[in-house]
Amino acid sequence: KKGICVDQSEFERDWFSKNNYEHK
C-alpha cells in the first residue's frame, strides 16, 4: 500500500484493464 505516482498509476492501469475501461 505504497508507491509514487508511477507505481500507483500502474496499479490503476492494471485495475482499469481488468475491468474493461477505455483508459491511458
mmCIF file of all heavy atoms, coordinates in Angstrom:
data_MODEL
# 
_entry.id   MODEL 
# 
loop_
_atom_site.group_PDB 
_atom_site.id 
_atom_site.type_symbol 
_atom_site.label_atom_id 
_atom_site.label_alt_id 
_atom_site.label_comp_id 
_atom_site.label_asym_id 
_atom_site.label_entity_id 
_atom_site.label_seq_id 
_atom_site.pdbx_PDB_ins_code 
_atom_site.Cartn_x 
_atom_site.Cartn_y 
_atom_site.Cartn_z 
_atom_site.occupancy 
_atom_site.B_iso_or_equiv 
_atom_site.pdbx_formal_charge 
_atom_site.auth_seq_id 
_atom_site.auth_comp_id 
_atom_site.auth_asym_id 
_atom_site.auth_atom_id 
_atom_site.pdbx_PDB_model_num 
ATOM 1   N N   . LYS A 1 1  ? 0.844   -1.211 0.000   1.00 0.00 ? 1  LYS A N   1 
ATOM 2   C CA  . LYS A 1 1  ? 0.000   0.000  0.000   1.00 0.00 ? 1  LYS A CA  1 
ATOM 3   C C   . LYS A 1 1  ? 0.871   1.250  0.000   1.00 0.00 ? 1  LYS A C   1 
ATOM 4   O O   . LYS A 1 1  ? 0.665   2.192  0.755   1.00 0.00 ? 1  LYS A O   1 
ATOM 5   C CB  . LYS A 1 1  ? -0.985  -0.012 1.161   1.00 0.00 ? 1  LYS A CB  1 
ATOM 6   C CG  . LYS A 1 1  ? -1.997  -1.131 1.017   1.00 0.00 ? 1  LYS A CG  1 
ATOM 7   C CD  . LYS A 1 1  ? -3.144  -0.988 1.954   1.00 0.00 ? 1  LYS A CD  1 
ATOM 8   C CE  . LYS A 1 1  ? -4.133  -2.101 1.627   1.00 0.00 ? 1  LYS A CE  1 
ATOM 9   N NZ  . LYS A 1 1  ? -5.359  -2.020 2.321   1.00 0.00 ? 1  LYS A NZ  1 
ATOM 10  N N   . LYS A 1 2  ? 1.869   1.203  -0.888  1.00 0.00 ? 2  LYS A N   1 
ATOM 11  C CA  . LYS A 1 2  ? 2.823   2.300  -1.044  1.00 0.00 ? 2  LYS A CA  1 
ATOM 12  C C   . LYS A 1 2  ? 3.148   2.442  -2.520  1.00 0.00 ? 2  LYS A C   1 
ATOM 13  O O   . LYS A 1 2  ? 2.998   1.497  -3.288  1.00 0.00 ? 2  LYS A O   1 
ATOM 14  C CB  . LYS A 1 2  ? 4.125   2.019  -0.286  1.00 0.00 ? 2  LYS A CB  1 
ATOM 15  C CG  . LYS A 1 2  ? 3.970   1.948  1.200   1.00 0.00 ? 2  LYS A CG  1 
ATOM 16  C CD  . LYS A 1 2  ? 5.300   1.694  1.866   1.00 0.00 ? 2  LYS A CD  1 
ATOM 17  C CE  . LYS A 1 2  ? 5.125   1.604  3.365   1.00 0.00 ? 2  LYS A CE  1 
ATOM 18  N NZ  . LYS A 1 2  ? 6.384   1.498  4.076   1.00 0.00 ? 2  LYS A NZ  1 
ATOM 19  N N   . GLY A 1 3  ? 3.635   3.618  -2.874  1.00 0.00 ? 3  GLY A N   1 
ATOM 20  C CA  . GLY A 1 3  ? 4.114   3.846  -4.221  1.00 0.00 ? 3  GLY A CA  1 
ATOM 21  C C   . GLY A 1 3  ? 4.027   5.313  -4.584  1.00 0.00 ? 3  GLY A C   1 
ATOM 22  O O   . GLY A 1 3  ? 3.188   6.046  -4.065  1.00 0.00 ? 3  GLY A O   1 
ATOM 23  N N   . ILE A 1 4  ? 4.910   5.721  -5.478  1.00 0.00 ? 4  ILE A N   1 
ATOM 24  C CA  . ILE A 1 4  ? 4.834   7.074  -6.021  1.00 0.00 ? 4  ILE A CA  1 
ATOM 25  C C   . ILE A 1 4  ? 3.882   7.039  -7.216  1.00 0.00 ? 4  ILE A C   1 
ATOM 26  O O   . ILE A 1 4  ? 3.297   5.996  -7.523  1.00 0.00 ? 4  ILE A O   1 
ATOM 27  C CB  . ILE A 1 4  ? 6.233   7.624  -6.384  1.00 0.00 ? 4  ILE A CB  1 
ATOM 28  C CG1 . ILE A 1 4  ? 6.948   6.734  -7.415  1.00 0.00 ? 4  ILE A CG1 1 
ATOM 29  C CG2 . ILE A 1 4  ? 7.076   7.796  -5.126  1.00 0.00 ? 4  ILE A CG2 1 
ATOM 30  C CD1 . ILE A 1 4  ? 8.265   7.289  -7.917  1.00 0.00 ? 4  ILE A CD1 1 
ATOM 31  N N   . CYS A 1 5  ? 3.737   8.153  -7.909  1.00 0.00 ? 5  CYS A N   1 
ATOM 32  C CA  . CYS A 1 5  ? 2.745   8.231  -8.988  1.00 0.00 ? 5  CYS A CA  1 
ATOM 33  C C   . CYS A 1 5  ? 2.937   7.145  -10.042 1.00 0.00 ? 5  CYS A C   1 
ATOM 34  O O   . CYS A 1 5  ? 1.965   6.616  -10.569 1.00 0.00 ? 5  CYS A O   1 
ATOM 35  C CB  . CYS A 1 5  ? 2.737   9.617  -9.626  1.00 0.00 ? 5  CYS A CB  1 
ATOM 36  S SG  . CYS A 1 5  ? 4.287   10.117 -10.416 1.00 0.00 ? 5  CYS A SG  1 
ATOM 37  N N   . VAL A 1 6  ? 4.179   6.793  -10.336 1.00 0.00 ? 6  VAL A N   1 
ATOM 38  C CA  . VAL A 1 6  ? 4.452   5.780  -11.361 1.00 0.00 ? 6  VAL A CA  1 
ATOM 39  C C   . VAL A 1 6  ? 3.884   4.430  -10.913 1.00 0.00 ? 6  VAL A C   1 
ATOM 40  O O   . VAL A 1 6  ? 3.187   3.754  -11.671 1.00 0.00 ? 6  VAL A O   1 
ATOM 41  C CB  . VAL A 1 6  ? 5.966   5.679  -11.653 1.00 0.00 ? 6  VAL A CB  1 
ATOM 42  C CG1 . VAL A 1 6  ? 6.248   4.641  -12.716 1.00 0.00 ? 6  VAL A CG1 1 
ATOM 43  C CG2 . VAL A 1 6  ? 6.517   7.036  -12.062 1.00 0.00 ? 6  VAL A CG2 1 
ATOM 44  N N   . ASP A 1 7  ? 4.168   4.045  -9.688  1.00 0.00 ? 7  ASP A N   1 
ATOM 45  C CA  . ASP A 1 7  ? 3.685   2.769  -9.156  1.00 0.00 ? 7  ASP A CA  1 
ATOM 46  C C   . ASP A 1 7  ? 2.164   2.762  -9.052  1.00 0.00 ? 7  ASP A C   1 
ATOM 47  O O   . ASP A 1 7  ? 1.505   1.803  -9.462  1.00 0.00 ? 7  ASP A O   1 
ATOM 48  C CB  . ASP A 1 7  ? 4.267   2.509  -7.760  1.00 0.00 ? 7  ASP A CB  1 
ATOM 49  C CG  . ASP A 1 7  ? 5.771   2.564  -7.729  1.00 0.00 ? 7  ASP A CG  1 
ATOM 50  O OD1 . ASP A 1 7  ? 6.409   1.738  -8.404  1.00 0.00 ? 7  ASP A OD1 1 
ATOM 51  O OD2 . ASP A 1 7  ? 6.308   3.441  -7.027  1.00 0.00 ? 7  ASP A OD2 1 
ATOM 52  N N   . GLN A 1 8  ? 1.606   3.843  -8.503  1.00 0.00 ? 8  GLN A N   1 
ATOM 53  C CA  . GLN A 1 8  ? 0.165   3.892  -8.303  1.00 0.00 ? 8  GLN A CA  1 
ATOM 54  C C   . GLN A 1 8  ? -0.588  3.895  -9.627  1.00 0.00 ? 8  GLN A C   1 
ATOM 55  O O   . GLN A 1 8  ? -1.612  3.220  -9.765  1.00 0.00 ? 8  GLN A O   1 
ATOM 56  C CB  . GLN A 1 8  ? -0.219  5.115  -7.458  1.00 0.00 ? 8  GLN A CB  1 
ATOM 57  C CG  . GLN A 1 8  ? 0.239   4.972  -6.022  1.00 0.00 ? 8  GLN A CG  1 
ATOM 58  C CD  . GLN A 1 8  ? -0.333  6.041  -5.126  1.00 0.00 ? 8  GLN A CD  1 
ATOM 59  O OE1 . GLN A 1 8  ? -1.472  6.462  -5.274  1.00 0.00 ? 8  GLN A OE1 1 
ATOM 60  N NE2 . GLN A 1 8  ? 0.464   6.479  -4.150  1.00 0.00 ? 8  GLN A NE2 1 
ATOM 61  N N   . SER A 1 9  ? -0.085  4.620  -10.616 1.00 0.00 ? 9  SER A N   1 
ATOM 62  C CA  . SER A 1 9  ? -0.799  4.639  -11.906 1.00 0.00 ? 9  SER A CA  1 
ATOM 63  C C   . SER A 1 9  ? -0.696  3.291  -12.619 1.00 0.00 ? 9  SER A C   1 
ATOM 64  O O   . SER A 1 9  ? -1.610  2.909  -13.348 1.00 0.00 ? 9  SER A O   1 
ATOM 65  C CB  . SER A 1 9  ? -0.324  5.787  -12.793 1.00 0.00 ? 9  SER A CB  1 
ATOM 66  O OG  . SER A 1 9  ? 1.041   5.664  -13.091 1.00 0.00 ? 9  SER A OG  1 
ATOM 67  N N   . GLU A 1 10 ? 0.377   2.549  -12.388 1.00 0.00 ? 10 GLU A N   1 
ATOM 68  C CA  . GLU A 1 10 ? 0.463   1.197  -12.959 1.00 0.00 ? 10 GLU A CA  1 
ATOM 69  C C   . GLU A 1 10 ? -0.496  0.252  -12.240 1.00 0.00 ? 10 GLU A C   1 
ATOM 70  O O   . GLU A 1 10 ? -1.094  -0.629 -12.859 1.00 0.00 ? 10 GLU A O   1 
ATOM 71  C CB  . GLU A 1 10 ? 1.897   0.666  -12.923 1.00 0.00 ? 10 GLU A CB  1 
ATOM 72  C CG  . GLU A 1 10 ? 2.823   1.362  -13.904 1.00 0.00 ? 10 GLU A CG  1 
ATOM 73  C CD  . GLU A 1 10 ? 2.371   1.268  -15.356 1.00 0.00 ? 10 GLU A CD  1 
ATOM 74  O OE1 . GLU A 1 10 ? 1.739   0.258  -15.750 1.00 0.00 ? 10 GLU A OE1 1 
ATOM 75  O OE2 . GLU A 1 10 ? 2.646   2.211  -16.116 1.00 0.00 ? 10 GLU A OE2 1 
ATOM 76  N N   . PHE A 1 11 ? -0.663  0.432  -10.949 1.00 0.00 ? 11 PHE A N   1 
ATOM 77  C CA  . PHE A 1 11 ? -1.661  -0.324 -10.187 1.00 0.00 ? 11 PHE A CA  1 
ATOM 78  C C   . PHE A 1 11 ? -3.056  -0.016 -10.749 1.00 0.00 ? 11 PHE A C   1 
ATOM 79  O O   . PHE A 1 11 ? -3.866  -0.915 -10.972 1.00 0.00 ? 11 PHE A O   1 
ATOM 80  C CB  . PHE A 1 11 ? -1.561  0.057  -8.704  1.00 0.00 ? 11 PHE A CB  1 
ATOM 81  C CG  . PHE A 1 11 ? -2.584  -0.599 -7.830  1.00 0.00 ? 11 PHE A CG  1 
ATOM 82  C CD1 . PHE A 1 11 ? -2.431  -1.910 -7.415  1.00 0.00 ? 11 PHE A CD1 1 
ATOM 83  C CD2 . PHE A 1 11 ? -3.702  0.100  -7.409  1.00 0.00 ? 11 PHE A CD2 1 
ATOM 84  C CE1 . PHE A 1 11 ? -3.376  -2.520 -6.590  1.00 0.00 ? 11 PHE A CE1 1 
ATOM 85  C CE2 . PHE A 1 11 ? -4.657  -0.496 -6.584  1.00 0.00 ? 11 PHE A CE2 1 
ATOM 86  C CZ  . PHE A 1 11 ? -4.492  -1.812 -6.183  1.00 0.00 ? 11 PHE A CZ  1 
ATOM 87  N N   . GLU A 1 12 ? -3.313  1.268  -10.986 1.00 0.00 ? 12 GLU A N   1 
ATOM 88  C CA  . GLU A 1 12 ? -4.595  1.694  -11.553 1.00 0.00 ? 12 GLU A CA  1 
ATOM 89  C C   . GLU A 1 12 ? -4.784  1.131  -12.963 1.00 0.00 ? 12 GLU A C   1 
ATOM 90  O O   . GLU A 1 12 ? -5.866  0.649  -13.306 1.00 0.00 ? 12 GLU A O   1 
ATOM 91  C CB  . GLU A 1 12 ? -4.667  3.226  -11.588 1.00 0.00 ? 12 GLU A CB  1 
ATOM 92  C CG  . GLU A 1 12 ? -4.648  3.851  -10.212 1.00 0.00 ? 12 GLU A CG  1 
ATOM 93  C CD  . GLU A 1 12 ? -4.187  5.305  -10.169 1.00 0.00 ? 12 GLU A CD  1 
ATOM 94  O OE1 . GLU A 1 12 ? -4.010  5.919  -11.251 1.00 0.00 ? 12 GLU A OE1 1 
ATOM 95  O OE2 . GLU A 1 12 ? -3.989  5.817  -9.065  1.00 0.00 ? 12 GLU A OE2 1 
ATOM 96  N N   . ARG A 1 13 ? -3.714  1.180  -13.771 1.00 0.00 ? 13 ARG A N   1 
ATOM 97  C CA  . ARG A 1 13 ? -3.789  0.634  -15.134 1.00 0.00 ? 13 ARG A CA  1 
ATOM 98  C C   . ARG A 1 13 ? -4.223  -0.827 -15.095 1.00 0.00 ? 13 ARG A C   1 
ATOM 99  O O   . ARG A 1 13 ? -5.062  -1.263 -15.885 1.00 0.00 ? 13 ARG A O   1 
ATOM 100 C CB  . ARG A 1 13 ? -2.437  0.753  -15.845 1.00 0.00 ? 13 ARG A CB  1 
ATOM 101 C CG  . ARG A 1 13 ? -2.477  0.259  -17.283 1.00 0.00 ? 13 ARG A CG  1 
ATOM 102 C CD  . ARG A 1 13 ? -1.119  -0.015 -17.919 1.00 0.00 ? 13 ARG A CD  1 
ATOM 103 N NE  . ARG A 1 13 ? -0.094  0.966  -17.827 1.00 0.00 ? 13 ARG A NE  1 
ATOM 104 C CZ  . ARG A 1 13 ? 0.363   1.708  -18.834 1.00 0.00 ? 13 ARG A CZ  1 
ATOM 105 N NH1 . ARG A 1 13 ? -0.156  1.574  -20.046 1.00 0.00 ? 13 ARG A NH1 1 
ATOM 106 N NH2 . ARG A 1 13 ? 1.346   2.554  -18.658 1.00 0.00 ? 13 ARG A NH2 1 
ATOM 107 N N   . ASP A 1 14 ? -3.654  -1.571 -14.164 1.00 0.00 ? 14 ASP A N   1 
ATOM 108 C CA  . ASP A 1 14 ? -3.981  -2.987 -14.023 1.00 0.00 ? 14 ASP A CA  1 
ATOM 109 C C   . ASP A 1 14 ? -5.472  -3.154 -13.720 1.00 0.00 ? 14 ASP A C   1 
ATOM 110 O O   . ASP A 1 14 ? -6.151  -3.976 -14.342 1.00 0.00 ? 14 ASP A O   1 
ATOM 111 C CB  . ASP A 1 14 ? -3.110  -3.600 -12.917 1.00 0.00 ? 14 ASP A CB  1 
ATOM 112 C CG  . ASP A 1 14 ? -3.312  -5.091 -12.776 1.00 0.00 ? 14 ASP A CG  1 
ATOM 113 O OD1 . ASP A 1 14 ? -2.965  -5.835 -13.720 1.00 0.00 ? 14 ASP A OD1 1 
ATOM 114 O OD2 . ASP A 1 14 ? -3.831  -5.514 -11.724 1.00 0.00 ? 14 ASP A OD2 1 
ATOM 115 N N   . TRP A 1 15 ? -5.988  -2.371 -12.765 1.00 0.00 ? 15 TRP A N   1 
ATOM 116 C CA  . TRP A 1 15 ? -7.403  -2.480 -12.399 1.00 0.00 ? 15 TRP A CA  1 
ATOM 117 C C   . TRP A 1 15 ? -8.307  -2.069 -13.565 1.00 0.00 ? 15 TRP A C   1 
ATOM 118 O O   . TRP A 1 15 ? -9.265  -2.777 -13.890 1.00 0.00 ? 15 TRP A O   1 
ATOM 119 C CB  . TRP A 1 15 ? -7.721  -1.631 -11.159 1.00 0.00 ? 15 TRP A CB  1 
ATOM 120 C CG  . TRP A 1 15 ? -9.131  -1.831 -10.701 1.00 0.00 ? 15 TRP A CG  1 
ATOM 121 C CD1 . TRP A 1 15 ? -9.577  -2.779 -9.826  1.00 0.00 ? 15 TRP A CD1 1 
ATOM 122 C CD2 . TRP A 1 15 ? -10.297 -1.118 -11.134 1.00 0.00 ? 15 TRP A CD2 1 
ATOM 123 N NE1 . TRP A 1 15 ? -10.943 -2.687 -9.681  1.00 0.00 ? 15 TRP A NE1 1 
ATOM 124 C CE2 . TRP A 1 15 ? -11.415 -1.678 -10.475 1.00 0.00 ? 15 TRP A CE2 1 
ATOM 125 C CE3 . TRP A 1 15 ? -10.508 -0.063 -12.012 1.00 0.00 ? 15 TRP A CE3 1 
ATOM 126 C CZ2 . TRP A 1 15 ? -12.709 -1.219 -10.661 1.00 0.00 ? 15 TRP A CZ2 1 
ATOM 127 C CZ3 . TRP A 1 15 ? -11.799 0.410  -12.212 1.00 0.00 ? 15 TRP A CZ3 1 
ATOM 128 C CH2 . TRP A 1 15 ? -12.888 -0.170 -11.538 1.00 0.00 ? 15 TRP A CH2 1 
ATOM 129 N N   . PHE A 1 16 ? -8.019  -0.942 -14.218 1.00 0.00 ? 16 PHE A N   1 
ATOM 130 C CA  . PHE A 1 16 ? -8.856  -0.468 -15.320 1.00 0.00 ? 16 PHE A CA  1 
ATOM 131 C C   . PHE A 1 16 ? -8.811  -1.438 -16.508 1.00 0.00 ? 16 PHE A C   1 
ATOM 132 O O   . PHE A 1 16 ? -9.816  -1.637 -17.187 1.00 0.00 ? 16 PHE A O   1 
ATOM 133 C CB  . PHE A 1 16 ? -8.458  0.953  -15.735 1.00 0.00 ? 16 PHE A CB  1 
ATOM 134 C CG  . PHE A 1 16 ? -9.065  2.019  -14.856 1.00 0.00 ? 16 PHE A CG  1 
ATOM 135 C CD1 . PHE A 1 16 ? -8.457  2.388  -13.669 1.00 0.00 ? 16 PHE A CD1 1 
ATOM 136 C CD2 . PHE A 1 16 ? -10.255 2.639  -15.208 1.00 0.00 ? 16 PHE A CD2 1 
ATOM 137 C CE1 . PHE A 1 16 ? -9.015  3.357  -12.850 1.00 0.00 ? 16 PHE A CE1 1 
ATOM 138 C CE2 . PHE A 1 16 ? -10.826 3.605  -14.403 1.00 0.00 ? 16 PHE A CE2 1 
ATOM 139 C CZ  . PHE A 1 16 ? -10.208 3.971  -13.218 1.00 0.00 ? 16 PHE A CZ  1 
ATOM 140 N N   . SER A 1 17 ? -7.667  -2.065 -16.740 1.00 0.00 ? 17 SER A N   1 
ATOM 141 C CA  . SER A 1 17 ? -7.562  -3.072 -17.814 1.00 0.00 ? 17 SER A CA  1 
ATOM 142 C C   . SER A 1 17 ? -8.425  -4.290 -17.491 1.00 0.00 ? 17 SER A C   1 
ATOM 143 O O   . SER A 1 17 ? -9.186  -4.755 -18.344 1.00 0.00 ? 17 SER A O   1 
ATOM 144 C CB  . SER A 1 17 ? -6.111  -3.524 -17.987 1.00 0.00 ? 17 SER A CB  1 
ATOM 145 O OG  . SER A 1 17 ? -5.318  -2.495 -18.487 1.00 0.00 ? 17 SER A OG  1 
ATOM 146 N N   . LYS A 1 18 ? -8.298  -4.778 -16.278 1.00 0.00 ? 18 LYS A N   1 
ATOM 147 C CA  . LYS A 1 18 ? -9.059  -5.968 -15.877 1.00 0.00 ? 18 LYS A CA  1 
ATOM 148 C C   . LYS A 1 18 ? -10.565 -5.716 -15.854 1.00 0.00 ? 18 LYS A C   1 
ATOM 149 O O   . LYS A 1 18 ? -11.348 -6.651 -15.946 1.00 0.00 ? 18 LYS A O   1 
ATOM 150 C CB  . LYS A 1 18 ? -8.599  -6.455 -14.501 1.00 0.00 ? 18 LYS A CB  1 
ATOM 151 C CG  . LYS A 1 18 ? -7.240  -7.102 -14.529 1.00 0.00 ? 18 LYS A CG  1 
ATOM 152 C CD  . LYS A 1 18 ? -6.770  -7.490 -13.152 1.00 0.00 ? 18 LYS A CD  1 
ATOM 153 C CE  . LYS A 1 18 ? -5.414  -8.174 -13.219 1.00 0.00 ? 18 LYS A CE  1 
ATOM 154 N NZ  . LYS A 1 18 ? -4.859  -8.404 -11.877 1.00 0.00 ? 18 LYS A NZ  1 
ATOM 155 N N   . ASN A 1 19 ? -10.964 -4.452 -15.720 1.00 0.00 ? 19 ASN A N   1 
ATOM 156 C CA  . ASN A 1 19 ? -12.378 -4.108 -15.652 1.00 0.00 ? 19 ASN A CA  1 
ATOM 157 C C   . ASN A 1 19 ? -12.889 -3.477 -16.946 1.00 0.00 ? 19 ASN A C   1 
ATOM 158 O O   . ASN A 1 19 ? -13.964 -2.875 -16.970 1.00 0.00 ? 19 ASN A O   1 
ATOM 159 C CB  . ASN A 1 19 ? -12.639 -3.205 -14.439 1.00 0.00 ? 19 ASN A CB  1 
ATOM 160 C CG  . ASN A 1 19 ? -12.542 -3.999 -13.155 1.00 0.00 ? 19 ASN A CG  1 
ATOM 161 O OD1 . ASN A 1 19 ? -13.488 -4.653 -12.752 1.00 0.00 ? 19 ASN A OD1 1 
ATOM 162 N ND2 . ASN A 1 19 ? -11.378 -3.984 -12.526 1.00 0.00 ? 19 ASN A ND2 1 
ATOM 163 N N   . ASN A 1 20 ? -12.108 -3.639 -18.005 1.00 0.00 ? 20 ASN A N   1 
ATOM 164 C CA  . ASN A 1 20 ? -12.501 -3.276 -19.378 1.00 0.00 ? 20 ASN A CA  1 
ATOM 165 C C   . ASN A 1 20 ? -12.895 -1.814 -19.570 1.00 0.00 ? 20 ASN A C   1 
ATOM 166 O O   . ASN A 1 20 ? -13.830 -1.507 -20.309 1.00 0.00 ? 20 ASN A O   1 
ATOM 167 C CB  . ASN A 1 20 ? -13.631 -4.194 -19.862 1.00 0.00 ? 20 ASN A CB  1 
ATOM 168 C CG  . ASN A 1 20 ? -13.189 -5.639 -19.856 1.00 0.00 ? 20 ASN A CG  1 
ATOM 169 O OD1 . ASN A 1 20 ? -12.110 -5.964 -20.339 1.00 0.00 ? 20 ASN A OD1 1 
ATOM 170 N ND2 . ASN A 1 20 ? -14.006 -6.501 -19.283 1.00 0.00 ? 20 ASN A ND2 1 
ATOM 171 N N   . TYR A 1 21 ? -12.171 -0.911 -18.939 1.00 0.00 ? 21 TYR A N   1 
ATOM 172 C CA  . TYR A 1 21 ? -12.371 0.515  -19.169 1.00 0.00 ? 21 TYR A CA  1 
ATOM 173 C C   . TYR A 1 21 ? -11.432 0.989  -20.267 1.00 0.00 ? 21 TYR A C   1 
ATOM 174 O O   . TYR A 1 21 ? -10.284 0.542  -20.355 1.00 0.00 ? 21 TYR A O   1 
ATOM 175 C CB  . TYR A 1 21 ? -12.059 1.319  -17.900 1.00 0.00 ? 21 TYR A CB  1 
ATOM 176 C CG  . TYR A 1 21 ? -13.163 1.318  -16.875 1.00 0.00 ? 21 TYR A CG  1 
ATOM 177 C CD1 . TYR A 1 21 ? -13.285 0.284  -15.948 1.00 0.00 ? 21 TYR A CD1 1 
ATOM 178 C CD2 . TYR A 1 21 ? -14.079 2.362  -16.818 1.00 0.00 ? 21 TYR A CD2 1 
ATOM 179 C CE1 . TYR A 1 21 ? -14.289 0.289  -14.998 1.00 0.00 ? 21 TYR A CE1 1 
ATOM 180 C CE2 . TYR A 1 21 ? -15.091 2.374  -15.867 1.00 0.00 ? 21 TYR A CE2 1 
ATOM 181 C CZ  . TYR A 1 21 ? -15.185 1.335  -14.969 1.00 0.00 ? 21 TYR A CZ  1 
ATOM 182 O OH  . TYR A 1 21 ? -16.186 1.351  -14.031 1.00 0.00 ? 21 TYR A OH  1 
ATOM 183 N N   . GLU A 1 22 ? -11.902 1.918  -21.080 1.00 0.00 ? 22 GLU A N   1 
ATOM 184 C CA  . GLU A 1 22 ? -11.044 2.588  -22.045 1.00 0.00 ? 22 GLU A CA  1 
ATOM 185 C C   . GLU A 1 22 ? -10.203 3.584  -21.252 1.00 0.00 ? 22 GLU A C   1 
ATOM 186 O O   . GLU A 1 22 ? -10.741 4.490  -20.604 1.00 0.00 ? 22 GLU A O   1 
ATOM 187 C CB  . GLU A 1 22 ? -11.911 3.294  -23.087 1.00 0.00 ? 22 GLU A CB  1 
ATOM 188 C CG  . GLU A 1 22 ? -11.132 3.951  -24.188 1.00 0.00 ? 22 GLU A CG  1 
ATOM 189 C CD  . GLU A 1 22 ? -12.033 4.623  -25.207 1.00 0.00 ? 22 GLU A CD  1 
ATOM 190 O OE1 . GLU A 1 22 ? -13.242 4.318  -25.272 1.00 0.00 ? 22 GLU A OE1 1 
ATOM 191 O OE2 . GLU A 1 22 ? -11.507 5.481  -25.941 1.00 0.00 ? 22 GLU A OE2 1 
ATOM 192 N N   . HIS A 1 23 ? -8.887  3.407  -21.258 1.00 0.00 ? 23 HIS A N   1 
ATOM 193 C CA  . HIS A 1 23 ? -8.028  4.233  -20.410 1.00 0.00 ? 23 HIS A CA  1 
ATOM 194 C C   . HIS A 1 23 ? -6.639  4.389  -21.004 1.00 0.00 ? 23 HIS A C   1 
ATOM 195 O O   . HIS A 1 23 ? -6.258  3.641  -21.913 1.00 0.00 ? 23 HIS A O   1 
ATOM 196 C CB  . HIS A 1 23 ? -7.927  3.620  -19.012 1.00 0.00 ? 23 HIS A CB  1 
ATOM 197 C CG  . HIS A 1 23 ? -7.191  2.312  -19.020 1.00 0.00 ? 23 HIS A CG  1 
ATOM 198 N ND1 . HIS A 1 23 ? -7.770  1.141  -19.438 1.00 0.00 ? 23 HIS A ND1 1 
ATOM 199 C CD2 . HIS A 1 23 ? -5.918  2.009  -18.691 1.00 0.00 ? 23 HIS A CD2 1 
ATOM 200 C CE1 . HIS A 1 23 ? -6.887  0.164  -19.355 1.00 0.00 ? 23 HIS A CE1 1 
ATOM 201 N NE2 . HIS A 1 23 ? -5.751  0.668  -18.909 1.00 0.00 ? 23 HIS A NE2 1 
ATOM 202 N N   . LYS A 1 24 ? -5.898  5.356  -20.451 1.00 0.00 ? 24 LYS A N   1 
ATOM 203 C CA  . LYS A 1 24 ? -4.493  5.570  -20.804 1.00 0.00 ? 24 LYS A CA  1 
ATOM 204 C C   . LYS A 1 24 ? -3.759  6.023  -19.554 1.00 0.00 ? 24 LYS A C   1 
ATOM 205 O O   . LYS A 1 24 ? -4.325  6.706  -18.702 1.00 0.00 ? 24 LYS A O   1 
ATOM 206 C CB  . LYS A 1 24 ? -4.348  6.693  -21.838 1.00 0.00 ? 24 LYS A CB  1 
ATOM 207 C CG  . LYS A 1 24 ? -4.908  6.394  -23.196 1.00 0.00 ? 24 LYS A CG  1 
ATOM 208 C CD  . LYS A 1 24 ? -4.689  7.588  -24.110 1.00 0.00 ? 24 LYS A CD  1 
ATOM 209 C CE  . LYS A 1 24 ? -5.275  7.319  -25.481 1.00 0.00 ? 24 LYS A CE  1 
ATOM 210 N NZ  . LYS A 1 24 ? -5.040  8.449  -26.384 1.00 0.00 ? 24 LYS A NZ  1 
# 
